[in-house]
Protein backbone atom coordinates (compact mmCIF):
# COMPACT_ATOMS: atom_id res chain seq x y z
CA MET A 1 -27.78 -30.59 7.24
CA PHE A 2 -26.72 -31.63 4.02
CA TRP A 3 -30.33 -30.90 2.71
CA LEU A 4 -30.13 -27.32 4.14
CA ILE A 5 -26.82 -26.59 2.36
CA THR A 6 -28.29 -27.79 -0.84
CA THR A 7 -31.38 -25.04 -0.13
CA MET A 8 -29.13 -22.37 0.69
CA THR A 9 -26.97 -23.02 -2.39
CA ALA A 10 -29.86 -23.11 -4.84
CA ALA A 11 -31.16 -20.28 -3.14
CA THR A 12 -28.25 -18.03 -3.62
CA ALA A 13 -27.55 -19.12 -7.61
CA GLY A 14 -31.00 -18.16 -8.17
CA TRP A 15 -30.61 -14.53 -6.51
CA LEU A 16 -27.25 -14.52 -8.53
CA LEU A 17 -29.19 -15.62 -11.88
CA ILE A 18 -31.87 -12.88 -11.16
CA LEU A 19 -28.91 -9.97 -10.49
CA PHE A 20 -26.63 -10.82 -13.23
CA LEU A 21 -30.29 -11.07 -15.73
CA PRO A 22 -29.48 -7.71 -18.03
CA PHE A 23 -26.15 -8.80 -18.25
CA LEU A 24 -26.82 -12.41 -19.02
CA LEU A 25 -29.38 -11.09 -21.60
CA SER A 26 -27.12 -8.60 -23.32
CA LEU A 27 -25.18 -10.92 -24.30
CA ALA A 28 -27.05 -11.18 -27.25
CA ALA A 29 -26.36 -8.07 -28.35
CA LYS A 30 -24.42 -7.08 -31.40
CA VAL A 31 -22.12 -4.86 -29.91
CA GLY A 32 -20.24 -4.53 -27.07
CA THR A 33 -20.68 -1.15 -25.21
CA PRO A 34 -24.42 -3.01 -23.55
CA LYS A 35 -22.58 -5.82 -22.64
CA LEU A 36 -19.99 -3.94 -20.18
CA VAL A 37 -22.91 -1.22 -19.20
CA CYS A 38 -25.19 -4.12 -18.14
CA PHE A 39 -22.50 -6.00 -16.62
CA VAL A 40 -21.35 -2.93 -14.26
CA THR A 41 -24.89 -2.47 -13.80
CA SER A 42 -25.54 -5.71 -12.10
CA GLY A 43 -22.02 -5.67 -10.44
CA LEU A 44 -23.98 -2.98 -8.94
CA ALA A 45 -26.77 -4.17 -7.94
CA LEU A 46 -24.98 -7.25 -6.61
CA LEU A 47 -23.58 -4.76 -4.19
CA LEU A 48 -26.04 -2.82 -3.48
CA SER A 49 -28.84 -5.75 -2.55
CA VAL A 50 -27.47 -5.92 1.19
CA GLN A 51 -30.41 -3.54 1.79
CA PRO A 52 -33.68 -3.89 0.93
CA TYR A 53 -34.87 -2.37 -2.31
CA SER A 54 -32.10 -0.97 -2.83
CA SER A 55 -30.69 -2.85 -6.09
CA VAL A 56 -34.12 -2.42 -7.61
CA LEU A 57 -32.70 1.18 -9.60
CA PRO A 58 -29.53 -0.01 -11.04
CA TRP A 59 -31.32 -3.96 -12.43
CA THR A 60 -33.81 -2.16 -13.93
CA LEU A 61 -31.68 0.12 -15.84
CA GLY A 62 -29.81 -2.75 -17.40
CA MET A 63 -32.77 -4.45 -17.96
CA ALA A 64 -34.09 -1.50 -19.84
CA ILE A 65 -30.84 -1.49 -21.65
CA ALA A 66 -30.22 -5.44 -22.63
CA VAL A 67 -33.51 -5.34 -23.99
CA ILE A 68 -33.36 -2.44 -26.18
CA SER A 69 -30.12 -3.75 -27.61
CA VAL A 70 -31.40 -7.40 -28.14
CA TRP A 71 -34.57 -5.72 -29.65
CA GLU A 72 -32.33 -3.56 -32.13
CA ARG A 73 -30.49 -6.63 -32.94
CA ILE A 74 -33.76 -8.72 -33.55
CA ARG A 75 -34.65 -5.54 -35.14
CA SER A 76 -31.59 -5.42 -37.82
CA THR A 77 -31.70 -8.99 -38.72
CA SER A 78 -35.45 -8.79 -39.64
CA ILE A 79 -34.70 -5.71 -42.22
CA SER A 80 -31.92 -6.99 -43.77
């Protein structure tokens, strides 16, 4: 019984990590706007994940915003 609870907890933690990956990635951004937008899209993906494949669009949008913001931070530090 304990093994089942541990497996379910690990699976839940894995899903939460995947759903909040855009927000976690956006924490490396320089400004605060991408952090807020990625947090909102991650929360929306979490709420929409009840139905299959309904959280794909907000998750993809959040990942795009997070990657672009991190890319801009890397680009601005390498130029300066």
